Protein backbone atom coordinates (compact mmCIF):
# COMPACT_ATOMS: atom_id res chain seq x y z
CA MET A 1 -14.38 62.75 -7.23
CA HIS A 2 -17.10 64.12 -5.45
CA VAL A 3 -20.59 62.31 -6.90
CA ILE A 4 -24.01 64.22 -5.97
CA ARG A 5 -27.29 62.66 -7.08
CA ASP A 6 -29.31 65.61 -6.30
CA PRO A 7 -29.03 69.01 -7.92
CA ALA A 8 -30.30 70.67 -4.64
CA GLN A 9 -27.31 69.07 -2.73
CA PHE A 10 -24.77 70.77 -5.24
CA PRO A 11 -22.51 72.66 -3.90
CA PHE A 12 -22.44 76.03 -5.82
CA LEU A 13 -18.87 76.60 -7.34
CA GLY A 14 -18.74 79.91 -8.97
CA ASN A 15 -15.83 79.23 -11.30
CA ALA A 16 -16.66 75.89 -12.58
CA VAL A 17 -15.42 74.31 -16.11
CA VAL A 18 -18.43 72.09 -17.10
CA THR A 19 -19.57 69.72 -19.73
CA SER A 20 -22.51 67.70 -19.61
CA GLY A 21 -24.27 64.66 -21.68
CA THR A 22 -25.22 61.22 -21.16
CA PHE A 23 -21.57 59.80 -21.68
CA ASP A 24 -23.13 56.27 -22.38
CA GLY A 25 -19.73 54.21 -23.08
CA VAL A 26 -17.52 57.22 -21.95
CA HIS A 27 -15.86 56.43 -25.51
CA VAL A 28 -12.58 58.04 -27.04
CA GLY A 29 -14.84 60.64 -27.95
CA HIS A 30 -16.04 61.31 -24.70
CA GLN A 31 -12.60 61.04 -23.33
CA ARG A 32 -11.41 63.59 -25.82
CA ILE A 33 -13.81 66.19 -24.24
CA LEU A 34 -12.85 65.24 -20.73
CA ALA A 35 -9.04 65.68 -21.62
CA ARG A 36 -10.03 69.32 -22.85
CA LEU A 37 -12.10 69.82 -19.84
CA ARG A 38 -9.15 68.99 -17.54
CA GLU A 39 -7.08 71.17 -19.46
CA VAL A 40 -9.09 74.37 -18.88
CA ALA A 41 -9.93 73.71 -15.70
CA GLN A 42 -6.17 73.52 -14.71
CA VAL A 43 -5.46 76.79 -16.45
CA SER A 44 -8.21 78.59 -14.76
CA GLY A 45 -8.20 77.07 -11.45
CA GLY A 46 -11.70 75.88 -11.53
CA PRO A 47 -13.05 72.87 -10.77
CA ALA A 48 -13.67 70.07 -13.85
CA VAL A 49 -17.33 69.21 -13.42
CA VAL A 50 -19.37 66.73 -15.45
CA ILE A 51 -23.31 66.80 -15.63
CA THR A 52 -24.86 63.63 -16.74
CA TYR A 53 -28.53 62.17 -16.56
CA TRP A 54 -29.93 58.96 -15.05
CA PRO A 55 -31.81 57.15 -16.39
CA HIS A 56 -30.76 57.37 -20.30
CA PRO A 57 -33.09 60.13 -21.87
CA ARG A 58 -34.14 57.70 -24.35
CA LEU A 59 -35.62 55.42 -21.44
CA VAL A 60 -37.92 58.31 -20.77
CA LEU A 61 -38.86 59.94 -23.97
CA GLY A 62 -38.58 56.83 -26.40
CA PRO A 63 -36.52 57.03 -29.62
CA PRO A 64 -36.42 60.07 -31.88
CA PRO A 65 -39.43 59.87 -34.54
CA SER A 66 -36.41 59.48 -37.36
CA HIS A 67 -35.15 56.43 -35.49
CA PRO A 68 -37.91 54.01 -34.42
CA GLU A 69 -35.62 51.19 -34.38
CA LEU A 70 -33.54 52.44 -31.38
CA LEU A 71 -36.83 51.54 -29.16
CA GLU A 72 -35.13 48.82 -27.43
CA LEU A 73 -32.24 50.96 -25.88
CA GLN A 74 -29.28 48.72 -24.44
CA LEU A 75 -26.47 50.50 -22.43
CA LEU A 76 -23.00 50.31 -22.89
CA ASN A 77 -22.39 51.52 -19.14
CA THR A 78 -24.24 50.63 -15.88
CA LEU A 79 -24.12 53.94 -13.81
CA ASP A 80 -21.45 52.44 -11.46
CA GLU A 81 -19.36 51.80 -14.53
CA ARG A 82 -19.96 55.40 -15.84
CA ILE A 83 -19.12 56.93 -12.32
CA THR A 84 -15.94 54.79 -12.06
CA LYS A 85 -14.81 55.88 -15.79
CA LEU A 86 -15.10 59.29 -15.19
CA ALA A 87 -13.53 59.39 -11.78
CA GLU A 88 -10.38 57.42 -13.55
CA LEU A 89 -10.45 60.61 -16.07
CA GLY A 90 -9.65 63.03 -13.55
CA VAL A 91 -13.31 64.75 -13.21
CA ASP A 92 -13.60 66.72 -9.99
CA TYR A 93 -17.39 66.78 -9.29
CA LEU A 94 -20.04 64.60 -10.96
CA LEU A 95 -23.65 65.81 -10.72
CA ILE A 96 -26.22 63.09 -11.85
CA VAL A 97 -29.22 64.61 -12.78
CA PRO A 98 -32.29 62.66 -12.56
CA PHE A 99 -33.85 62.62 -15.95
CA THR A 100 -37.58 63.09 -16.13
CA LYS A 101 -40.29 64.15 -18.37
CA GLU A 102 -40.79 67.43 -16.24
CA PHE A 103 -36.92 68.26 -16.80
CA ALA A 104 -37.16 67.32 -20.51
CA GLN A 105 -39.54 70.13 -20.59
CA TRP A 106 -37.08 72.94 -19.75
CA THR A 107 -36.03 75.30 -22.30
CA SER A 108 -32.69 75.97 -23.20
CA GLU A 109 -32.85 79.35 -21.15
CA GLU A 110 -34.08 77.43 -18.10
CA TYR A 111 -31.42 74.92 -18.50
CA ILE A 112 -28.65 77.26 -18.51
CA GLN A 113 -30.18 79.55 -15.73
CA ASN A 114 -31.32 76.57 -13.44
CA LEU A 115 -28.80 74.37 -13.81
CA LEU A 116 -25.39 75.69 -15.16
CA LEU A 117 -25.40 78.97 -13.61
CA LYS A 118 -27.72 78.87 -10.17
CA THR A 119 -27.06 75.30 -9.38
CA VAL A 120 -23.21 74.69 -10.36
CA GLY A 121 -21.66 78.18 -11.01
CA ALA A 122 -20.48 77.69 -14.51
CA LYS A 123 -17.83 79.89 -15.84
CA GLN A 124 -16.60 77.87 -19.03
CA LEU A 125 -18.13 75.22 -21.05
CA VAL A 126 -16.48 72.54 -22.94
CA ILE A 127 -18.97 70.64 -25.08
CA GLY A 128 -19.02 67.99 -27.93
CA TYR A 129 -19.80 68.91 -31.55
CA ASP A 130 -23.31 67.17 -31.43
CA HIS A 131 -24.16 68.15 -27.76
CA ARG A 132 -28.03 69.40 -27.36
CA PHE A 133 -29.88 70.43 -24.60
CA GLY A 134 -33.16 72.06 -23.48
CA LYS A 135 -36.77 71.18 -24.73
CA ASN A 136 -37.05 69.45 -28.38
CA ARG A 137 -32.98 69.46 -28.12
CA GLU A 138 -33.06 73.27 -29.15
CA GLY A 139 -30.00 74.26 -27.30
CA GLY A 140 -26.50 73.58 -28.48
CA PHE A 141 -23.07 75.29 -29.44
CA ASP A 142 -24.63 78.00 -31.86
CA TYR A 143 -27.19 78.79 -29.05
CA LEU A 144 -24.55 79.15 -26.52
CA SER A 145 -22.26 81.22 -28.59
CA GLN A 146 -24.94 83.68 -29.38
CA HIS A 147 -25.85 84.20 -25.89
CA ALA A 148 -22.49 83.56 -24.06
CA ASP A 149 -21.93 87.01 -23.08
CA ARG A 150 -25.40 87.56 -21.65
CA TYR A 151 -24.62 84.52 -19.53
CA GLY A 152 -20.95 85.20 -18.54
CA LEU A 153 -19.78 82.15 -19.92
CA THR A 154 -16.87 80.93 -22.35
CA VAL A 155 -17.81 78.10 -24.64
CA GLU A 156 -15.56 75.61 -26.55
CA GLU A 157 -16.77 73.08 -29.03
CA ILE A 158 -14.91 69.58 -29.28
CA PRO A 159 -15.10 68.23 -32.99
CA ARG A 160 -15.80 64.79 -33.84
CA GLU A 161 -13.20 62.09 -32.81
CA ASP A 162 -12.64 59.63 -35.88
CA VAL A 163 -11.02 56.26 -35.61
CA ASP A 164 -10.50 54.47 -39.05
CA ALA A 165 -11.95 57.66 -40.85
CA VAL A 166 -15.21 57.08 -38.91
CA GLY A 167 -16.95 58.84 -36.19
CA VAL A 168 -17.17 57.31 -32.91
CA SER A 169 -20.32 57.40 -31.24
CA SER A 170 -22.11 55.28 -28.79
CA THR A 171 -24.60 53.87 -31.38
CA ARG A 172 -21.83 52.53 -33.61
CA ILE A 173 -20.12 50.86 -30.65
CA ARG A 174 -23.52 49.17 -29.99
CA GLN A 175 -23.68 48.12 -33.38
CA ALA A 176 -20.30 46.58 -33.24
CA LEU A 177 -21.35 44.60 -30.02
CA ARG A 178 -24.06 43.32 -31.58
CA GLN A 179 -22.11 41.81 -34.55
CA GLY A 180 -19.45 40.50 -32.23
CA ASP A 181 -17.06 42.93 -33.51
CA ILE A 182 -15.04 43.26 -30.25
CA ALA A 183 -11.95 44.69 -31.80
CA THR A 184 -13.88 47.67 -33.16
CA ALA A 185 -15.73 48.00 -30.06
CA ASN A 186 -12.78 48.21 -27.88
CA ARG A 187 -10.83 50.81 -30.34
CA TYR A 188 -13.88 53.37 -30.16
CA LEU A 189 -14.18 52.82 -26.61
CA GLY A 190 -10.42 52.99 -25.69
CA TYR A 191 -10.81 50.27 -23.00
CA LEU A 192 -12.03 46.52 -22.99
CA TYR A 193 -15.57 46.25 -22.95
CA PRO A 194 -16.81 44.95 -19.41
CA VAL A 195 -19.97 42.78 -18.37
CA THR A 196 -20.35 42.18 -14.88
CA GLY A 197 -23.02 39.45 -13.43
CA LEU A 198 -23.62 37.37 -10.52
CA VAL A 199 -22.29 33.84 -10.61
CA VAL A 200 -25.48 31.54 -10.13
CA HIS A 201 -25.79 27.79 -10.11
CA GLY A 202 -26.01 26.14 -13.64
CA GLN A 203 -26.28 22.45 -14.76
CA LYS A 204 -22.67 21.67 -14.05
CA LEU A 205 -22.07 20.00 -17.09
CA GLY A 206 -18.94 21.59 -17.82
CA ARG A 207 -17.12 19.91 -15.04
CA THR A 208 -17.88 16.65 -16.44
CA ILE A 209 -16.03 17.54 -19.62
CA GLY A 210 -13.11 19.01 -18.08
CA TYR A 211 -14.35 22.64 -18.77
CA PRO A 212 -15.95 23.83 -15.35
CA THR A 213 -17.70 27.25 -16.13
CA ALA A 214 -19.20 30.09 -13.87
CA ASN A 215 -22.52 30.74 -15.05
CA MET A 216 -23.55 34.60 -14.94
CA VAL A 217 -26.60 36.62 -15.00
CA THR A 218 -26.19 40.45 -15.61
CA THR A 219 -26.98 42.57 -12.71
CA GLU A 220 -28.09 45.57 -14.90
CA PRO A 221 -31.04 44.16 -17.18
CA LEU A 222 -30.39 47.19 -19.72
CA LYS A 223 -26.55 46.29 -20.03
CA LEU A 224 -25.64 45.35 -23.64
CA VAL A 225 -24.35 41.79 -23.99
CA PRO A 226 -22.47 41.18 -27.18
CA ALA A 227 -23.44 38.70 -29.76
CA ARG A 228 -23.74 35.09 -29.08
CA GLY A 229 -20.32 33.07 -29.76
CA ILE A 230 -17.09 32.36 -28.05
CA TYR A 231 -14.91 35.14 -26.80
CA ALA A 232 -11.41 35.47 -25.02
CA VAL A 233 -11.62 37.29 -21.78
CA TRP A 234 -10.11 38.76 -18.57
CA ALA A 235 -12.30 37.94 -15.47
CA THR A 236 -12.10 39.93 -12.27
CA THR A 237 -13.49 38.45 -9.05
CA ALA A 238 -15.10 40.23 -6.30
CA ALA A 239 -11.65 39.77 -4.05
CA GLY A 240 -9.94 41.61 -7.09
CA THR A 241 -8.03 38.75 -8.73
CA ARG A 242 -7.83 38.41 -12.44
CA HIS A 243 -8.04 35.48 -14.40
CA PRO A 244 -7.83 34.47 -18.14
CA GLY A 245 -11.07 33.09 -19.48
CA MET A 246 -12.97 31.61 -22.45
CA LEU A 247 -16.41 32.87 -22.48
CA SER A 248 -19.65 31.27 -24.31
CA ILE A 249 -22.88 33.26 -24.82
CA GLY A 250 -25.52 31.33 -26.60
CA VAL A 251 -28.16 28.59 -26.17
CA ARG A 252 -25.79 25.61 -25.97
CA PRO A 253 -27.05 24.05 -29.02
CA THR A 254 -25.13 20.53 -28.47
CA ILE A 255 -26.82 20.02 -25.12
CA GLY A 256 -30.42 20.72 -26.31
CA GLN A 257 -33.22 22.81 -27.86
CA ASP A 258 -35.04 25.80 -26.94
CA LEU A 259 -32.80 27.02 -24.26
CA GLU A 260 -32.57 30.14 -22.76
CA GLN A 261 -29.30 32.30 -23.63
CA THR A 262 -26.68 31.68 -20.87
CA ILE A 263 -23.31 33.49 -20.02
CA GLU A 264 -20.73 30.84 -18.99
CA VAL A 265 -17.01 31.37 -18.55
CA ASN A 266 -14.26 29.00 -18.17
CA LEU A 267 -11.43 30.42 -15.99
CA LEU A 268 -7.97 28.89 -17.04
CA ASN A 269 -5.88 27.52 -14.56
CA PHE A 270 -8.63 28.38 -11.64
CA SER A 271 -10.22 26.30 -8.81
CA GLY A 272 -12.62 27.88 -6.36
CA ASP A 273 -16.00 28.69 -5.60
CA LEU A 274 -17.27 31.86 -6.99
CA TYR A 275 -21.05 31.43 -6.41
CA ASP A 276 -23.15 34.15 -5.40
CA GLN A 277 -20.28 36.48 -6.15
CA GLU A 278 -19.97 39.44 -8.65
CA LEU A 279 -17.69 38.56 -11.69
CA THR A 280 -16.50 41.08 -14.30
CA LEU A 281 -15.75 40.01 -17.62
CA GLU A 282 -13.58 42.38 -20.15
CA PHE A 283 -14.05 41.32 -23.76
CA VAL A 284 -10.62 41.05 -25.64
CA ALA A 285 -11.45 38.90 -28.55
CA TRP A 286 -14.28 37.28 -30.68
CA LEU A 287 -13.16 33.65 -31.17
CA ARG A 288 -15.93 31.98 -33.08
CA ALA A 289 -19.33 31.54 -33.56
CA GLU A 290 -21.72 29.32 -31.26
CA GLU A 291 -22.03 25.92 -33.20
CA LYS A 292 -23.73 22.60 -32.73
CA TYR A 293 -21.65 19.38 -32.53
CA ASP A 294 -21.96 15.97 -32.85
CA GLY A 295 -21.79 15.00 -29.14
CA LEU A 296 -19.97 15.72 -26.22
CA HIS A 297 -16.66 14.21 -27.47
CA ALA A 298 -16.62 16.67 -30.30
CA LEU A 299 -17.70 19.54 -28.30
CA THR A 300 -14.67 18.85 -25.77
CA ALA A 301 -12.28 18.80 -28.85
CA GLN A 302 -13.66 22.20 -30.07
CA LEU A 303 -13.28 23.54 -26.27
CA SER A 304 -9.42 22.35 -26.03
CA LEU A 305 -8.99 24.42 -29.40
CA ASP A 306 -10.79 27.38 -27.90
CA ALA A 307 -8.71 27.28 -24.96
CA GLN A 308 -5.57 27.19 -27.20
CA ASN A 309 -7.10 30.28 -28.93
CA THR A 310 -7.79 32.10 -25.74
CA ARG A 311 -4.21 31.82 -24.53
CA ALA A 312 -3.06 33.19 -28.02
CA ALA A 313 -5.58 35.94 -27.98
CA LEU A 314 -4.65 36.95 -24.49
CA ALA A 315 -1.08 36.52 -25.03
CA LEU A 316 -0.41 34.04 -22.43
């Protein structure tokens, strides 16, 4: 996949099949759009092109007036994760448009003329049912359909993707993760939710009770970290090795009070030095809520049970 981060550097293609959007999460709804994008591109012989934006538009414009609770935006994907997912899904060209307040002022006409036609060379568009573009989100499928002949475009709208009779959206996935509902989030995503972090030095208490942990800090401040609790995960090291693990997200109430939230993972049957290396966690299952125990002996007994439940969740 060709990745271009500056529209001025994009090679005019002339017969491109294009979709556009933020694609945060690249969830099953997005995947349906991208599958159709590839099908249309294969039939037409043109390249499959995705236009996305960075930073997320809401970080630049703020939340819509009807949803002020969305002020604190957290992302399902880092930009690198989004790029990797789009490449896996067979996209030929990815154009990452820097999202600015000036760009947000483009009218629908300017967006189509300047970006789709003159920059990319679009001939066919495949868009989601809720896709909007242009100043104040004035453009969408209806606008494109009305003006398609004038632009020399064909336009296809992809309907909403439902899972468990619920429309999939990035917002619903964020809600599930904030509630620790990993099963729902993963169903909506179509893959295991990942969090990548850097392994740092901690208090090293875990090793004294037989459960050494890798302490992580996330590498993307806006990345959504799921709710506090204990999880079964797969952990992939910088060297590419994959290990089963039990993960704790929380403030370690058995250890003390007023502690900052930590992300600690115990890799089962692993020994080695991971300090200052990146570690990627893939969330498989929620095991239990964070609890305070009456001393380290009780905590150790619970960790033994957690390890058993982790192995069961990971089918080990």
